[in-house]
């Protein structure tokens, strides 16, 4: 989790940001209207959104945090904002955001705020993956009072990201199979790797 020197995230943007329940409700309501959160309303994007709603609902009900994760989260004594950049059609977000929500719920010092990537291009532009990609979800941890960036994480756990990028670049595997492999991993892992990574990262905050 690297430290960011400057950020375009203002108090006004944070005040307009959604909480977790509002974001999920917004995603569902848009789908009922035949729209996605960024108005890319192709059938494939609508199908991704539909699938992600089911994924999120399943993890909300069945996903669990380990006692080790809970201990690290509860020990955070610095008020902070977990500012997440995402979209409702993002498959990684559907697999990971519910666990971030469960973590934030454990400590009143953590506020989880969510904005849409394509609604705030200047924000995602400041937090590009490898300096080039608008990959989501992206989590920016901010000091709650100063809005000073404390750290950045995303779009997925480091080791998973490395494997995914290698598979996608491998012509014998390709992007579609790499994505399928990624979600197979998420289904089996049940948030364990994400939590392990956060235990290490948050212990430093």
Foldseek 3Di string as FASTA:
>chain_A
DDFDFDAPDDPVNQVVFDAPVVQLVVQVVQLVVQAWQVRPNDPVLSVLLVVLNVLLVVCLPPFDDDPLLLVLLQPDDFQKEWEWEAISSDNLCSLAVSVVNVSQVSYPSYGYTYDYCVVCVVRLCSVADVNDHSDDTKIFIARPPPRRTPDIDDDDDPVLVVQLVVQCPDPVRHNVNSVVVSVVCSVVCSCVRVSVVCSVVSNVD
